[in-house]
Amino acid sequence: TAIMAGIGNATRFGVLISSGDALERLAKVTRVVFDKTGTLTHGKPEVVAIHPFASGMTTGELLGLAATIEQRSEHPLGKAILRHAKSLGAAPKSVEQSTAVPGRGVSVSFDGKQALGGTLQLMLDNGICPSDEILKTVEEYKESGSTVIFIGIDNSVAGIIVLADTLRSDAGITVKRLHREGVWTTLLTGDNAQAANSIAAAVGIDEVKAELLPEDKVNIILNELQKSRLDKVCMVCDGSSDAPSLKAAYVGLAMGGVGSEIAVDAADAVLVQD
């Protein structure tokens, strides 16, 4: 009776709990692991700078290329680029094939060309080595906490798209309350280390691990954070690529508003209002 009353009461506050077992597991959590984009932040990043590096390429042409690459993306960063491009009238071209590279970015083919949008590692994996000038510019943006998307075509870096996200106003309050309850906090993100450390410092998170692939997060949860029976991890995230982490954790908690359907389905509980 107490469990059913608890689940019903939580529902009134926009927290959907899948079962009595999930509620009981939530009570035993010793560490909360957060994703960054869409969880600690609003997940609605905005384009703040566009830097073409290819000879003769304009900012408009680079934005159009980025929109072409990201037009089928489900990632908040890809959606932000597409939204910004459309607002400025930079229409994406039709692509013949689009392939998501988990934790790295997107690869597309159009007009007989192969184009890439994503992390530095995605560029390196495809034999594209940015110049020192490009890397210096990228580092300057990263130090301010921004996220940088590399755009590659014709085996070179065409330019970069810089995005910034806003922190949720109650993120710091949430972390402080967890600490008062004796719960440890960790940030696991695929984003760059500078942006991750900036967010973690702003909200007071204990530990940060950045530039991770989805499988890295699973391994950290299983083999580091839950290495003993006493360690009970609650994973909080929004993305479809993090669904395995939700399942690996002792309890999985999904963001219901900005989150993907896959994450919601994989979770033990859902925050309807994020």
Protein backbone atom coordinates (compact mmCIF):
# COMPACT_ATOMS: atom_id res chain seq x y z
CA THR A 1 0.00 0.00 0.00
CA ALA A 2 2.82 2.41 0.88
CA ILE A 3 4.60 1.67 -2.42
CA MET A 4 1.45 2.22 -4.50
CA ALA A 5 0.71 5.44 -2.61
CA GLY A 6 4.30 6.61 -3.18
CA ILE A 7 4.16 5.92 -6.92
CA GLY A 8 0.80 7.68 -7.17
CA ASN A 9 2.04 10.70 -5.24
CA ALA A 10 5.19 10.96 -7.39
CA THR A 11 2.98 10.97 -10.49
CA ARG A 12 1.28 14.13 -9.24
CA PHE A 13 4.69 15.84 -9.36
CA GLY A 14 5.49 14.62 -12.88
CA VAL A 15 7.66 11.64 -11.89
CA LEU A 16 6.55 8.39 -13.51
CA ILE A 17 7.94 5.30 -11.75
CA SER A 18 7.64 2.00 -13.61
CA SER A 19 7.27 -0.37 -10.67
CA GLY A 20 7.45 -0.85 -6.93
CA ASP A 21 10.84 -2.48 -7.38
CA ALA A 22 12.14 0.64 -9.16
CA LEU A 23 10.93 2.84 -6.28
CA GLU A 24 12.69 0.65 -3.72
CA ARG A 25 15.92 0.69 -5.74
CA LEU A 26 15.80 4.49 -5.96
CA ALA A 27 15.86 4.60 -2.15
CA LYS A 28 19.20 2.72 -2.09
CA VAL A 29 21.10 4.90 -4.58
CA THR A 30 24.59 5.98 -3.42
CA ARG A 31 25.68 7.86 -6.57
CA VAL A 32 23.85 9.82 -9.28
CA VAL A 33 25.50 9.93 -12.69
CA PHE A 34 24.43 12.76 -15.01
CA ASP A 35 24.72 13.17 -18.75
CA LYS A 36 25.37 16.80 -19.75
CA THR A 37 23.46 17.93 -22.84
CA GLY A 38 19.72 17.87 -22.26
CA THR A 39 20.12 16.79 -18.64
CA LEU A 40 22.13 19.40 -16.73
CA THR A 41 21.58 21.80 -19.62
CA HIS A 42 18.35 22.56 -21.46
CA GLY A 43 19.43 20.52 -24.45
CA LYS A 44 18.64 23.44 -26.74
CA PRO A 45 22.09 24.70 -27.75
CA GLU A 46 22.37 27.67 -30.07
CA VAL A 47 24.91 28.40 -32.79
CA VAL A 48 27.15 31.22 -31.56
CA ALA A 49 29.90 31.23 -34.22
CA ILE A 50 30.63 29.89 -37.71
CA HIS A 51 34.24 29.63 -38.92
CA PRO A 52 35.01 28.52 -42.49
CA PHE A 53 38.59 27.39 -43.12
CA ALA A 54 38.31 26.10 -46.70
CA SER A 55 39.62 28.53 -49.29
CA GLY A 56 36.85 30.71 -50.72
CA MET A 57 34.11 29.24 -48.52
CA THR A 58 31.71 31.74 -46.94
CA THR A 59 29.97 31.37 -43.57
CA GLY A 60 26.68 30.86 -45.42
CA GLU A 61 28.13 28.04 -47.52
CA LEU A 62 29.61 26.36 -44.43
CA LEU A 63 26.29 26.62 -42.60
CA GLY A 64 24.48 25.13 -45.60
CA LEU A 65 26.98 22.24 -45.70
CA ALA A 66 26.54 21.66 -41.97
CA ALA A 67 22.75 21.65 -42.39
CA THR A 68 23.06 19.10 -45.19
CA ILE A 69 25.12 16.84 -42.93
CA GLU A 70 22.89 17.21 -39.87
CA GLN A 71 19.43 17.17 -41.49
CA ARG A 72 18.59 13.65 -40.24
CA SER A 73 20.36 13.96 -36.90
CA GLU A 74 18.48 13.31 -33.65
CA HIS A 75 21.21 14.89 -31.52
CA PRO A 76 20.43 18.28 -29.90
CA LEU A 77 23.56 19.80 -31.48
CA GLY A 78 22.58 18.61 -34.95
CA LYS A 79 19.05 19.93 -34.52
CA ALA A 80 20.40 23.31 -33.37
CA ILE A 81 22.59 23.62 -36.46
CA LEU A 82 19.67 22.74 -38.75
CA ARG A 83 17.36 25.17 -36.93
CA HIS A 84 19.89 28.00 -37.24
CA ALA A 85 20.48 27.27 -40.93
CA LYS A 86 16.77 27.32 -41.73
CA SER A 87 16.30 30.60 -39.84
CA LEU A 88 18.90 32.18 -42.15
CA GLY A 89 17.55 30.56 -45.31
CA ALA A 90 20.45 28.12 -45.75
CA ALA A 91 18.54 25.13 -47.11
CA PRO A 92 20.16 21.69 -46.84
CA LYS A 93 20.77 19.62 -49.97
CA SER A 94 19.33 16.13 -50.42
CA VAL A 95 21.64 13.38 -49.25
CA GLU A 96 21.95 9.92 -50.72
CA GLN A 97 23.10 8.29 -47.50
CA SER A 98 23.40 9.38 -43.88
CA THR A 99 25.17 7.31 -41.23
CA ALA A 100 25.31 8.17 -37.53
CA VAL A 101 28.62 7.33 -35.86
CA PRO A 102 27.77 6.87 -32.15
CA GLY A 103 29.65 9.30 -29.94
CA ARG A 104 31.42 10.81 -32.95
CA GLY A 105 28.97 12.49 -35.34
CA VAL A 106 27.48 11.95 -38.80
CA SER A 107 28.79 10.86 -42.22
CA VAL A 108 26.78 11.66 -45.37
CA SER A 109 27.15 11.36 -49.12
CA PHE A 110 25.64 13.82 -51.62
CA ASP A 111 26.45 15.01 -55.14
CA GLY A 112 29.18 12.38 -55.30
CA LYS A 113 30.91 13.82 -52.23
CA GLN A 114 31.53 12.47 -48.74
CA ALA A 115 31.03 14.92 -45.87
CA LEU A 116 31.45 14.63 -42.10
CA GLY A 117 30.14 16.54 -39.12
CA GLY A 118 31.17 15.84 -35.55
CA THR A 119 34.12 15.54 -33.21
CA LEU A 120 37.83 15.91 -33.83
CA GLN A 121 38.14 12.15 -33.43
CA LEU A 122 35.66 11.63 -36.29
CA MET A 123 37.93 13.71 -38.52
CA LEU A 124 41.05 11.79 -37.46
CA ASP A 125 39.29 8.44 -37.94
CA ASN A 126 38.65 9.44 -41.55
CA GLY A 127 42.18 10.63 -42.26
CA ILE A 128 41.49 14.35 -41.87
CA CYS A 129 44.10 16.19 -39.78
CA PRO A 130 43.17 19.79 -38.84
CA SER A 131 45.93 22.39 -39.00
CA ASP A 132 47.48 24.01 -35.92
CA GLU A 133 45.56 27.20 -36.74
CA ILE A 134 42.24 25.34 -36.63
CA LEU A 135 43.10 23.51 -33.41
CA LYS A 136 44.15 26.77 -31.74
CA THR A 137 40.82 28.40 -32.64
CA VAL A 138 38.92 25.33 -31.38
CA GLU A 139 40.77 25.37 -28.04
CA GLU A 140 39.89 29.03 -27.49
CA TYR A 141 36.19 28.23 -27.85
CA LYS A 142 36.42 25.11 -25.70
CA GLU A 143 38.04 27.06 -22.87
CA SER A 144 34.91 29.21 -22.69
CA GLY A 145 32.76 26.09 -22.31
CA SER A 146 31.43 26.05 -25.89
CA THR A 147 31.03 22.92 -28.00
CA VAL A 148 32.72 22.74 -31.40
CA ILE A 149 31.49 20.69 -34.36
CA PHE A 150 34.02 19.98 -37.10
CA ILE A 151 32.72 20.00 -40.67
CA GLY A 152 34.80 18.00 -43.13
CA ILE A 153 34.59 17.51 -46.92
CA ASP A 154 37.03 16.52 -49.66
CA ASN A 155 39.44 15.07 -47.05
CA SER A 156 39.90 18.39 -45.26
CA VAL A 157 38.26 20.52 -42.58
CA ALA A 158 35.83 22.92 -44.25
CA GLY A 159 35.23 24.77 -41.00
CA ILE A 160 33.78 24.61 -37.52
CA ILE A 161 30.37 25.37 -36.01
CA VAL A 162 30.45 26.63 -32.40
CA LEU A 163 27.47 26.06 -30.12
CA ALA A 164 26.64 26.95 -26.53
CA ASP A 165 23.98 25.51 -24.24
CA THR A 166 22.39 27.04 -21.16
CA LEU A 167 22.52 25.40 -17.76
CA ARG A 168 19.23 24.46 -16.11
CA SER A 169 18.55 26.95 -13.32
CA ASP A 170 17.79 24.21 -10.78
CA ALA A 171 20.73 21.93 -11.66
CA GLY A 172 22.96 23.32 -8.91
CA ILE A 173 20.15 23.09 -6.33
CA THR A 174 19.55 19.45 -7.28
CA VAL A 175 23.22 18.53 -6.88
CA LYS A 176 23.43 20.29 -3.49
CA ARG A 177 20.38 18.39 -2.24
CA LEU A 178 21.91 15.09 -3.36
CA HIS A 179 25.12 15.92 -1.50
CA ARG A 180 23.13 16.72 1.65
CA GLU A 181 21.60 13.25 1.38
CA GLY A 182 25.11 11.75 1.24
CA VAL A 183 24.82 10.87 -2.45
CA TRP A 184 27.90 11.26 -4.67
CA THR A 185 27.62 12.83 -8.13
CA THR A 186 29.43 12.15 -11.41
CA LEU A 187 29.24 13.70 -14.87
CA LEU A 188 29.71 11.33 -17.84
CA THR A 189 29.62 13.04 -21.22
CA GLY A 190 30.77 12.70 -24.79
CA ASP A 191 31.48 16.43 -24.85
CA ASN A 192 34.96 17.92 -24.59
CA ALA A 193 36.72 18.10 -21.23
CA GLN A 194 36.72 21.92 -20.98
CA ALA A 195 32.95 22.21 -21.50
CA ALA A 196 32.32 19.30 -19.12
CA ASN A 197 34.53 20.74 -16.36
CA SER A 198 32.92 24.16 -16.78
CA ILE A 199 29.42 22.73 -16.28
CA ALA A 200 30.51 20.47 -13.40
CA ALA A 201 32.16 23.39 -11.58
CA ALA A 202 29.04 25.53 -12.02
CA VAL A 203 26.77 22.97 -10.34
CA GLY A 204 29.26 21.41 -7.91
CA ILE A 205 29.49 17.86 -9.27
CA ASP A 206 32.12 15.69 -7.57
CA GLU A 207 33.68 13.87 -10.53
CA VAL A 208 33.93 14.41 -14.30
CA LYS A 209 34.69 12.00 -17.15
CA ALA A 210 34.51 13.55 -20.62
CA GLU A 211 34.93 12.68 -24.31
CA LEU A 212 33.28 9.30 -23.82
CA LEU A 213 31.57 6.99 -26.29
CA PRO A 214 28.25 5.38 -25.23
CA GLU A 215 30.04 2.09 -24.54
CA ASP A 216 32.61 3.92 -22.38
CA LYS A 217 29.80 5.15 -20.12
CA VAL A 218 28.47 1.60 -19.74
CA ASN A 219 31.94 0.28 -18.87
CA ILE A 220 32.53 3.04 -16.29
CA ILE A 221 29.17 2.37 -14.62
CA LEU A 222 29.64 -1.41 -14.52
CA ASN A 223 33.37 -1.69 -13.85
CA GLU A 224 34.19 1.44 -11.85
CA LEU A 225 31.16 3.02 -10.21
CA GLN A 226 29.30 -0.22 -9.42
CA LYS A 227 32.34 -2.36 -8.72
CA SER A 228 31.01 -3.49 -5.36
CA ARG A 229 27.56 -4.46 -4.11
CA LEU A 230 27.48 -1.34 -1.94
CA ASP A 231 27.71 1.01 -4.94
CA LYS A 232 24.25 1.76 -6.37
CA VAL A 233 24.23 4.10 -9.38
CA CYS A 234 21.30 6.08 -10.73
CA MET A 235 21.93 7.19 -14.33
CA VAL A 236 20.11 10.36 -15.44
CA CYS A 237 20.08 11.16 -19.17
CA ASP A 238 17.98 12.01 -22.21
CA GLY A 239 19.59 10.50 -25.30
CA SER A 240 18.93 7.32 -27.26
CA SER A 241 22.66 6.53 -27.33
CA ASP A 242 22.61 6.43 -23.52
CA ALA A 243 19.87 3.80 -23.27
CA PRO A 244 22.50 1.07 -22.58
CA SER A 245 23.77 3.18 -19.64
CA LEU A 246 20.24 3.42 -18.24
CA LYS A 247 20.04 -0.37 -18.32
CA ALA A 248 23.55 -0.87 -16.91
CA ALA A 249 22.87 1.35 -13.90
CA TYR A 250 21.15 0.11 -10.74
CA VAL A 251 18.38 2.60 -11.60
CA GLY A 252 17.78 4.50 -14.85
CA LEU A 253 16.10 7.92 -14.84
CA ALA A 254 15.13 9.59 -18.16
CA MET A 255 14.26 13.15 -19.07
CA GLY A 256 10.74 12.86 -20.49
CA GLY A 257 10.38 16.18 -22.30
CA VAL A 258 13.62 16.64 -24.22
CA GLY A 259 14.54 12.93 -24.04
CA SER A 260 14.26 10.33 -26.79
CA GLU A 261 11.58 7.62 -26.80
CA ILE A 262 14.30 4.96 -26.57
CA ALA A 263 15.68 6.49 -23.36
CA VAL A 264 12.21 6.80 -21.86
CA ASP A 265 11.44 3.14 -22.68
CA ALA A 266 14.74 1.98 -21.15
CA ALA A 267 14.32 3.92 -17.90
CA ASP A 268 12.93 2.80 -14.54
CA ALA A 269 11.53 6.29 -13.93
CA VAL A 270 10.82 9.36 -16.06
CA LEU A 271 10.83 13.08 -15.24
CA VAL A 272 7.90 14.27 -17.36
CA GLN A 273 8.70 17.98 -16.89
CA ASP A 274 12.48 17.47 -17.14
